[in-house]
Amino acid sequence: MVTVTRLNPFREMASMQNSLDRLFDDSWRRGWPTIADNMLPLDLYETDKGYIATIAAPGLNQDQFDIRFENGVLTVSADIPQPEIENARVLIQERASGRYSRSITLSQSVDIDQVDAHYENGILMLTLPKAPEAQPKRIAIKTNGQKQLQSKS
C-alpha cells in the first residue's frame, strides 16, 4: 500500500529558513567581528558631584588597562591575552582575547586631577568628579533682598 503525503509549501519554506539560519549562525555571524565584540562592557552613573563608571574585566591585572581622558572623552582599553596551553588542541573557545576598548563622551567637564581608578574582584571602578564650575549651584535668597551663590550640598 502507498501512503500519500500532502505537500505543504509553508512547512518546506520554514525548514529551509531554519537550515539557512543555522548556516549563517555557524559561519558568518561567529566569524565576522562586530563593534560589540571589541567593546568592554561598561555601566555609567551620574551623581550631582560626578560620574561613576564600572567595567567588568575579570582575570586582568591593573597594568593591563589603559585609561585616558581627553577632550571630554573617557577611553578605557585592555589587552586580554589568550592563554597558551602546550600540547593541547582547542575543543571549545568561548573566552575572548585581543585588544578591547570603550570610549564615552561625558556631558559635563571633569576635574581630571581628582579622578580615581580602583580595580578589585574583576571590576574596574572609575570615579570622575565634575569640575567645580560644572557642579550644580543653588542660589539662596536672603530676607534683606541680597542673593548669595552657594554650592549645593
N, C-alpha and C. Protein backbone atom coordinates (compact mmCIF):
# COMPACT_ATOMS: atom_id res chain seq x y z
N MET A 1 0.83 -1.16 0.00
CA MET A 1 0.00 0.00 0.00
C MET A 1 0.89 1.24 0.00
N VAL A 2 0.49 2.27 -0.70
CA VAL A 2 1.26 3.51 -0.85
C VAL A 2 0.61 4.58 0.01
N THR A 3 1.45 5.31 0.75
CA THR A 3 0.96 6.42 1.55
C THR A 3 1.21 7.72 0.82
N VAL A 4 0.21 8.53 0.71
CA VAL A 4 0.34 9.81 0.02
C VAL A 4 0.46 10.90 1.08
N THR A 5 1.52 11.70 0.95
CA THR A 5 1.73 12.82 1.86
C THR A 5 1.44 14.11 1.12
N ARG A 6 0.62 14.91 1.72
CA ARG A 6 0.25 16.17 1.10
C ARG A 6 1.41 17.15 1.21
N LEU A 7 1.72 17.82 0.13
CA LEU A 7 2.80 18.80 0.08
C LEU A 7 2.33 20.07 0.79
N ASN A 8 3.15 20.53 1.74
CA ASN A 8 2.87 21.78 2.45
C ASN A 8 4.03 22.73 2.17
N PRO A 9 3.87 23.68 1.25
CA PRO A 9 4.99 24.56 0.88
C PRO A 9 5.46 25.42 2.04
N PHE A 10 4.57 25.78 2.96
CA PHE A 10 4.99 26.62 4.09
C PHE A 10 5.91 25.86 5.04
N ARG A 11 5.63 24.58 5.24
CA ARG A 11 6.49 23.76 6.08
C ARG A 11 7.86 23.60 5.43
N GLU A 12 7.89 23.41 4.12
CA GLU A 12 9.16 23.30 3.40
C GLU A 12 9.95 24.60 3.47
N MET A 13 9.28 25.74 3.35
CA MET A 13 9.97 27.03 3.42
C MET A 13 10.50 27.27 4.84
N ALA A 14 9.74 26.90 5.86
CA ALA A 14 10.19 27.07 7.23
C ALA A 14 11.42 26.20 7.50
N SER A 15 11.41 24.99 6.98
CA SER A 15 12.56 24.10 7.14
C SER A 15 13.80 24.67 6.46
N MET A 16 13.60 25.22 5.25
CA MET A 16 14.73 25.82 4.54
C MET A 16 15.24 27.05 5.29
N GLN A 17 14.34 27.85 5.84
CA GLN A 17 14.74 29.04 6.61
C GLN A 17 15.56 28.63 7.83
N ASN A 18 15.14 27.58 8.53
CA ASN A 18 15.90 27.10 9.69
C ASN A 18 17.29 26.63 9.29
N SER A 19 17.39 25.95 8.16
CA SER A 19 18.69 25.48 7.68
C SER A 19 19.60 26.65 7.34
N LEU A 20 19.06 27.67 6.68
CA LEU A 20 19.86 28.85 6.35
C LEU A 20 20.28 29.61 7.60
N ASP A 21 19.38 29.71 8.58
CA ASP A 21 19.74 30.38 9.84
C ASP A 21 20.91 29.68 10.52
N ARG A 22 20.86 28.35 10.56
CA ARG A 22 21.96 27.59 11.17
C ARG A 22 23.26 27.80 10.40
N LEU A 23 23.18 27.83 9.08
CA LEU A 23 24.37 28.04 8.26
C LEU A 23 25.00 29.39 8.57
N PHE A 24 24.18 30.45 8.61
CA PHE A 24 24.72 31.77 8.90
C PHE A 24 25.22 31.88 10.33
N ASP A 25 24.51 31.29 11.29
CA ASP A 25 24.97 31.33 12.68
C ASP A 25 26.31 30.64 12.84
N ASP A 26 26.48 29.51 12.18
CA ASP A 26 27.70 28.73 12.34
C ASP A 26 28.90 29.33 11.63
N SER A 27 28.70 30.03 10.53
CA SER A 27 29.86 30.51 9.78
C SER A 27 30.00 32.02 9.76
N TRP A 28 29.00 32.73 9.31
CA TRP A 28 29.14 34.17 9.12
C TRP A 28 29.13 34.95 10.41
N ARG A 29 28.14 34.77 11.25
CA ARG A 29 27.99 35.61 12.44
C ARG A 29 29.10 35.39 13.44
N ARG A 30 29.57 34.18 13.58
CA ARG A 30 30.65 33.92 14.53
C ARG A 30 32.00 34.28 13.96
N GLY A 31 32.14 34.26 12.65
CA GLY A 31 33.44 34.52 12.03
C GLY A 31 33.75 35.97 11.78
N TRP A 32 32.74 36.85 11.76
CA TRP A 32 32.96 38.26 11.47
C TRP A 32 32.84 39.06 12.76
N PRO A 33 33.86 39.84 13.10
CA PRO A 33 33.76 40.64 14.32
C PRO A 33 32.75 41.77 14.15
N THR A 34 32.07 42.09 15.22
CA THR A 34 31.15 43.21 15.22
C THR A 34 31.69 44.28 16.16
N ILE A 35 31.08 45.44 16.15
CA ILE A 35 31.53 46.51 17.04
C ILE A 35 31.44 46.05 18.49
N ALA A 36 30.36 45.37 18.85
CA ALA A 36 30.18 44.94 20.23
C ALA A 36 31.24 43.93 20.66
N ASP A 37 31.80 43.19 19.70
CA ASP A 37 32.81 42.19 20.05
C ASP A 37 34.08 42.83 20.60
N ASN A 38 34.39 44.07 20.24
CA ASN A 38 35.63 44.71 20.66
C ASN A 38 35.40 45.77 21.72
N MET A 39 34.24 45.78 22.35
CA MET A 39 33.93 46.78 23.35
C MET A 39 33.89 46.17 24.74
N LEU A 40 34.48 46.87 25.68
CA LEU A 40 34.38 46.45 27.07
C LEU A 40 32.99 46.79 27.60
N PRO A 41 32.36 45.88 28.33
CA PRO A 41 31.05 46.21 28.90
C PRO A 41 31.21 47.27 29.98
N LEU A 42 30.37 48.29 29.93
CA LEU A 42 30.53 49.44 30.82
C LEU A 42 29.18 49.88 31.37
N ASP A 43 29.14 50.23 32.64
CA ASP A 43 27.98 50.86 33.25
C ASP A 43 28.41 52.26 33.67
N LEU A 44 27.56 53.26 33.40
CA LEU A 44 27.89 54.64 33.73
C LEU A 44 26.76 55.23 34.56
N TYR A 45 27.13 55.88 35.65
CA TYR A 45 26.17 56.51 36.55
C TYR A 45 26.56 57.98 36.70
N GLU A 46 25.57 58.83 36.94
CA GLU A 46 25.83 60.24 37.17
C GLU A 46 25.21 60.66 38.50
N THR A 47 25.99 61.39 39.29
CA THR A 47 25.51 61.99 40.53
C THR A 47 25.65 63.50 40.38
N ASP A 48 25.22 64.24 41.38
CA ASP A 48 25.39 65.69 41.35
C ASP A 48 26.87 66.07 41.33
N LYS A 49 27.70 65.22 41.94
CA LYS A 49 29.11 65.57 42.09
C LYS A 49 30.01 64.96 41.02
N GLY A 50 29.51 63.99 40.25
CA GLY A 50 30.39 63.41 39.24
C GLY A 50 29.79 62.19 38.56
N TYR A 51 30.67 61.43 37.95
CA TYR A 51 30.30 60.21 37.23
C TYR A 51 31.00 59.02 37.88
N ILE A 52 30.37 57.87 37.77
CA ILE A 52 30.99 56.62 38.20
C ILE A 52 30.83 55.63 37.05
N ALA A 53 31.94 55.09 36.59
CA ALA A 53 31.94 54.10 35.52
C ALA A 53 32.47 52.79 36.08
N THR A 54 31.78 51.69 35.79
CA THR A 54 32.26 50.37 36.19
C THR A 54 32.41 49.51 34.94
N ILE A 55 33.50 48.77 34.91
CA ILE A 55 33.80 47.91 33.77
C ILE A 55 34.14 46.52 34.30
N ALA A 56 33.43 45.52 33.80
CA ALA A 56 33.69 44.14 34.20
C ALA A 56 34.80 43.58 33.33
N ALA A 57 35.89 43.20 33.96
CA ALA A 57 37.03 42.64 33.24
C ALA A 57 37.74 41.63 34.14
N PRO A 58 37.10 40.50 34.42
CA PRO A 58 37.71 39.52 35.32
C PRO A 58 38.96 38.90 34.74
N GLY A 59 39.88 38.61 35.63
CA GLY A 59 41.10 37.91 35.22
C GLY A 59 42.23 38.80 34.74
N LEU A 60 42.02 40.10 34.72
CA LEU A 60 43.07 41.02 34.28
C LEU A 60 43.81 41.59 35.47
N ASN A 61 45.02 42.05 35.21
CA ASN A 61 45.78 42.79 36.21
C ASN A 61 45.61 44.27 35.93
N GLN A 62 45.80 45.09 36.94
CA GLN A 62 45.58 46.52 36.75
C GLN A 62 46.52 47.13 35.72
N ASP A 63 47.68 46.53 35.49
CA ASP A 63 48.60 47.09 34.50
C ASP A 63 48.20 46.74 33.06
N GLN A 64 47.16 45.95 32.86
CA GLN A 64 46.69 45.62 31.52
C GLN A 64 45.68 46.65 30.99
N PHE A 65 45.30 47.61 31.84
CA PHE A 65 44.36 48.65 31.43
C PHE A 65 45.10 49.89 30.98
N ASP A 66 44.50 50.60 30.04
CA ASP A 66 44.97 51.91 29.61
C ASP A 66 43.76 52.84 29.71
N ILE A 67 43.82 53.81 30.63
CA ILE A 67 42.70 54.72 30.86
C ILE A 67 43.14 56.12 30.48
N ARG A 68 42.36 56.75 29.60
CA ARG A 68 42.67 58.11 29.15
C ARG A 68 41.41 58.96 29.18
N PHE A 69 41.62 60.26 29.47
CA PHE A 69 40.54 61.22 29.41
C PHE A 69 41.04 62.42 28.63
N GLU A 70 40.41 62.69 27.50
CA GLU A 70 40.87 63.77 26.63
C GLU A 70 39.68 64.39 25.91
N ASN A 71 39.58 65.72 25.98
CA ASN A 71 38.52 66.48 25.31
C ASN A 71 37.12 65.97 25.66
N GLY A 72 36.91 65.65 26.93
CA GLY A 72 35.59 65.20 27.37
C GLY A 72 35.28 63.75 27.05
N VAL A 73 36.25 63.00 26.53
CA VAL A 73 36.03 61.60 26.15
C VAL A 73 36.86 60.69 27.05
N LEU A 74 36.18 59.78 27.73
CA LEU A 74 36.83 58.77 28.56
C LEU A 74 37.04 57.53 27.70
N THR A 75 38.28 57.04 27.63
CA THR A 75 38.58 55.83 26.87
C THR A 75 39.29 54.84 27.79
N VAL A 76 38.74 53.65 27.87
CA VAL A 76 39.34 52.56 28.64
C VAL A 76 39.65 51.44 27.66
N SER A 77 40.91 51.01 27.64
CA SER A 77 41.34 49.91 26.77
C SER A 77 42.00 48.84 27.62
N ALA A 78 41.95 47.61 27.12
CA ALA A 78 42.59 46.49 27.82
C ALA A 78 43.03 45.45 26.81
N ASP A 79 44.18 44.86 27.07
CA ASP A 79 44.65 43.72 26.29
C ASP A 79 44.34 42.46 27.05
N ILE A 80 43.52 41.62 26.45
CA ILE A 80 43.14 40.36 27.08
C ILE A 80 43.88 39.24 26.36
N PRO A 81 44.86 38.62 27.02
CA PRO A 81 45.65 37.59 26.34
C PRO A 81 44.89 36.27 26.24
N GLN A 82 45.23 35.52 25.23
CA GLN A 82 44.70 34.16 25.08
C GLN A 82 45.67 33.22 25.79
N PRO A 83 45.20 32.41 26.72
CA PRO A 83 46.13 31.50 27.40
C PRO A 83 46.75 30.51 26.43
N GLU A 84 48.03 30.28 26.62
CA GLU A 84 48.72 29.31 25.78
C GLU A 84 48.94 28.03 26.57
N ILE A 85 48.36 26.97 26.08
CA ILE A 85 48.49 25.67 26.74
C ILE A 85 49.21 24.75 25.77
N GLU A 86 50.36 24.28 26.18
CA GLU A 86 51.18 23.45 25.30
C GLU A 86 50.59 22.05 25.16
N ASN A 87 50.82 21.47 24.00
CA ASN A 87 50.41 20.10 23.69
C ASN A 87 48.92 19.88 23.91
N ALA A 88 48.11 20.85 23.54
CA ALA A 88 46.66 20.71 23.67
C ALA A 88 45.98 21.36 22.47
N ARG A 89 44.88 20.79 22.06
CA ARG A 89 44.12 21.40 20.99
C ARG A 89 42.83 21.95 21.57
N VAL A 90 42.37 23.02 20.98
CA VAL A 90 41.18 23.71 21.47
C VAL A 90 39.94 22.92 21.08
N LEU A 91 39.10 22.63 22.05
CA LEU A 91 37.82 21.98 21.78
C LEU A 91 36.68 23.01 21.79
N ILE A 92 36.73 23.90 22.77
CA ILE A 92 35.76 24.99 22.87
C ILE A 92 36.54 26.23 23.26
N GLN A 93 36.27 27.33 22.56
CA GLN A 93 36.94 28.58 22.90
C GLN A 93 35.89 29.70 22.91
N GLU A 94 35.36 29.99 24.10
CA GLU A 94 34.32 30.99 24.23
C GLU A 94 34.83 32.29 24.82
N ARG A 95 35.95 32.27 25.50
CA ARG A 95 36.51 33.48 26.08
C ARG A 95 37.18 34.29 24.99
N ALA A 96 36.96 35.58 25.02
CA ALA A 96 37.53 36.46 24.02
C ALA A 96 38.95 36.86 24.40
N SER A 97 39.75 37.18 23.40
CA SER A 97 41.09 37.69 23.62
C SER A 97 41.35 38.77 22.59
N GLY A 98 42.35 39.59 22.87
CA GLY A 98 42.70 40.67 21.95
C GLY A 98 42.61 42.02 22.62
N ARG A 99 42.61 43.07 21.81
CA ARG A 99 42.55 44.45 22.29
C ARG A 99 41.10 44.90 22.31
N TYR A 100 40.65 45.35 23.47
CA TYR A 100 39.28 45.81 23.66
C TYR A 100 39.31 47.25 24.16
N SER A 101 38.35 48.03 23.73
CA SER A 101 38.34 49.44 24.09
C SER A 101 36.91 49.94 24.18
N ARG A 102 36.71 50.97 24.97
CA ARG A 102 35.41 51.61 25.08
C ARG A 102 35.62 53.09 25.30
N SER A 103 34.96 53.92 24.53
CA SER A 103 35.03 55.37 24.66
C SER A 103 33.64 55.93 24.86
N ILE A 104 33.52 56.86 25.80
CA ILE A 104 32.24 57.54 26.02
C ILE A 104 32.52 59.03 26.20
N THR A 105 31.59 59.83 25.73
CA THR A 105 31.68 61.28 25.89
C THR A 105 30.84 61.67 27.08
N LEU A 106 31.44 62.44 27.99
CA LEU A 106 30.73 62.91 29.17
C LEU A 106 30.21 64.32 28.92
N SER A 107 28.99 64.59 29.37
CA SER A 107 28.35 65.86 29.07
C SER A 107 28.87 67.01 29.92
N GLN A 108 29.44 66.75 31.07
CA GLN A 108 29.95 67.79 31.95
C GLN A 108 31.47 67.68 32.03
N SER A 109 32.14 68.79 32.30
CA SER A 109 33.59 68.75 32.44
C SER A 109 33.97 68.03 33.72
N VAL A 110 35.12 67.38 33.68
CA VAL A 110 35.59 66.55 34.79
C VAL A 110 36.84 67.16 35.39
N ASP A 111 36.95 67.09 36.72
CA ASP A 111 38.15 67.53 37.43
C ASP A 111 39.18 66.41 37.32
N ILE A 112 40.00 66.47 36.30
CA ILE A 112 40.92 65.38 35.96
C ILE A 112 41.91 65.06 37.08
N ASP A 113 42.26 66.05 37.89
CA ASP A 113 43.21 65.82 38.99
C ASP A 113 42.61 65.00 40.12
N GLN A 114 41.29 64.89 40.17
CA GLN A 114 40.63 64.16 41.25
C GLN A 114 40.07 62.80 40.81
N VAL A 115 40.33 62.39 39.57
CA VAL A 115 39.82 61.11 39.08
C VAL A 115 40.47 59.97 39.85
N ASP A 116 39.67 58.96 40.19
CA ASP A 116 40.15 57.82 40.96
C ASP A 116 39.79 56.54 40.21
N ALA A 117 40.76 55.63 40.08
CA ALA A 117 40.53 54.33 39.45
C ALA A 117 40.85 53.25 40.47
N HIS A 118 39.92 52.31 40.63
CA HIS A 118 40.07 51.24 41.61
C HIS A 118 39.68 49.92 40.95
N TYR A 119 40.54 48.90 41.05
CA TYR A 119 40.26 47.59 40.44
C TYR A 119 40.27 46.53 41.51
N GLU A 120 39.13 45.84 41.66
CA GLU A 120 39.01 44.80 42.67
C GLU A 120 38.00 43.76 42.22
N ASN A 121 38.34 42.48 42.40
CA ASN A 121 37.45 41.35 42.07
C ASN A 121 36.92 41.42 40.65
N GLY A 122 37.78 41.83 39.71
CA GLY A 122 37.40 41.83 38.30
C GLY A 122 36.57 43.02 37.86
N ILE A 123 36.37 44.01 38.73
CA ILE A 123 35.60 45.20 38.39
C ILE A 123 36.50 46.42 38.50
N LEU A 124 36.60 47.16 37.40
CA LEU A 124 37.32 48.43 37.39
C LEU A 124 36.28 49.52 37.65
N MET A 125 36.51 50.32 38.71
CA MET A 125 35.59 51.40 39.05
C MET A 125 36.33 52.73 38.91
N LEU A 126 35.77 53.60 38.08
CA LEU A 126 36.33 54.93 37.88
C LEU A 126 35.40 55.95 38.51
N THR A 127 35.95 56.81 39.34
CA THR A 127 35.19 57.91 39.92
C THR A 127 35.71 59.19 39.28
N LEU A 128 34.82 59.88 38.56
CA LEU A 128 35.20 61.07 37.81
C LEU A 128 34.40 62.26 38.34
N PRO A 129 34.98 63.01 39.28
CA PRO A 129 34.23 64.14 39.84
C PRO A 129 34.08 65.25 38.81
N LYS A 130 32.92 65.89 38.83
CA LYS A 130 32.70 67.02 37.94
C LYS A 130 33.57 68.20 38.40
N ALA A 131 33.99 68.99 37.44
CA ALA A 131 34.75 70.20 37.76
C ALA A 131 33.86 71.12 38.58
N PRO A 132 34.45 71.92 39.47
CA PRO A 132 33.62 72.79 40.33
C PRO A 132 32.65 73.66 39.53
N GLU A 133 33.06 74.17 38.39
CA GLU A 133 32.16 75.02 37.61
C GLU A 133 31.02 74.23 36.98
N ALA A 134 31.13 72.91 36.89
CA ALA A 134 30.08 72.09 36.29
C ALA A 134 29.10 71.55 37.32
N GLN A 135 29.43 71.68 38.61
CA GLN A 135 28.54 71.17 39.64
C GLN A 135 27.36 72.10 39.83
N PRO A 136 26.20 71.54 40.17
CA PRO A 136 25.01 72.37 40.35
C PRO A 136 25.21 73.40 41.46
N LYS A 137 24.65 74.56 41.24
CA LYS A 137 24.72 75.64 42.25
C LYS A 137 23.29 75.98 42.68
N ARG A 138 23.19 76.39 43.91
CA ARG A 138 21.89 76.82 44.44
C ARG A 138 22.02 78.29 44.84
N ILE A 139 21.01 79.03 44.52
CA ILE A 139 21.00 80.44 44.89
C ILE A 139 20.11 80.58 46.12
N ALA A 140 20.73 81.06 47.21
CA ALA A 140 19.98 81.27 48.45
C ALA A 140 19.41 82.67 48.46
N ILE A 141 18.20 82.80 48.92
CA ILE A 141 17.55 84.10 48.99
C ILE A 141 17.58 84.57 50.44
N LYS A 142 18.11 85.78 50.63
CA LYS A 142 18.16 86.35 51.98
C LYS A 142 16.99 87.31 52.17
N THR A 143 16.65 87.54 53.39
CA THR A 143 15.50 88.39 53.69
C THR A 143 15.75 89.86 53.38
N ASN A 144 17.02 90.29 53.33
CA ASN A 144 17.29 91.69 53.05
C ASN A 144 17.37 91.97 51.55
N GLY A 145 17.01 90.99 50.73
CA GLY A 145 16.96 91.20 49.28
C GLY A 145 18.24 90.87 48.54
N GLN A 146 19.32 90.53 49.25
CA GLN A 146 20.57 90.18 48.58
C GLN A 146 20.60 88.68 48.33
N LYS A 147 21.12 88.31 47.15
CA LYS A 147 21.25 86.88 46.81
C LYS A 147 22.71 86.46 47.04
N GLN A 148 22.87 85.22 47.40
CA GLN A 148 24.21 84.68 47.58
C GLN A 148 24.28 83.35 46.85
N LEU A 149 25.34 83.15 46.04
CA LEU A 149 25.54 81.92 45.28
C LEU A 149 26.30 80.94 46.16
N GLN A 150 25.79 79.73 46.28
CA GLN A 150 26.47 78.74 47.11
C GLN A 150 26.40 77.37 46.46
N SER A 151 27.33 76.49 46.81
CA SER A 151 27.34 75.13 46.28
C SER A 151 26.18 74.36 46.85
N LYS A 152 25.66 73.44 46.03
CA LYS A 152 24.60 72.56 46.50
C LYS A 152 25.20 71.51 47.40
N SER A 153 24.59 71.24 48.51
CA SER A 153 25.10 70.25 49.46
C SER A 153 24.52 68.91 49.19
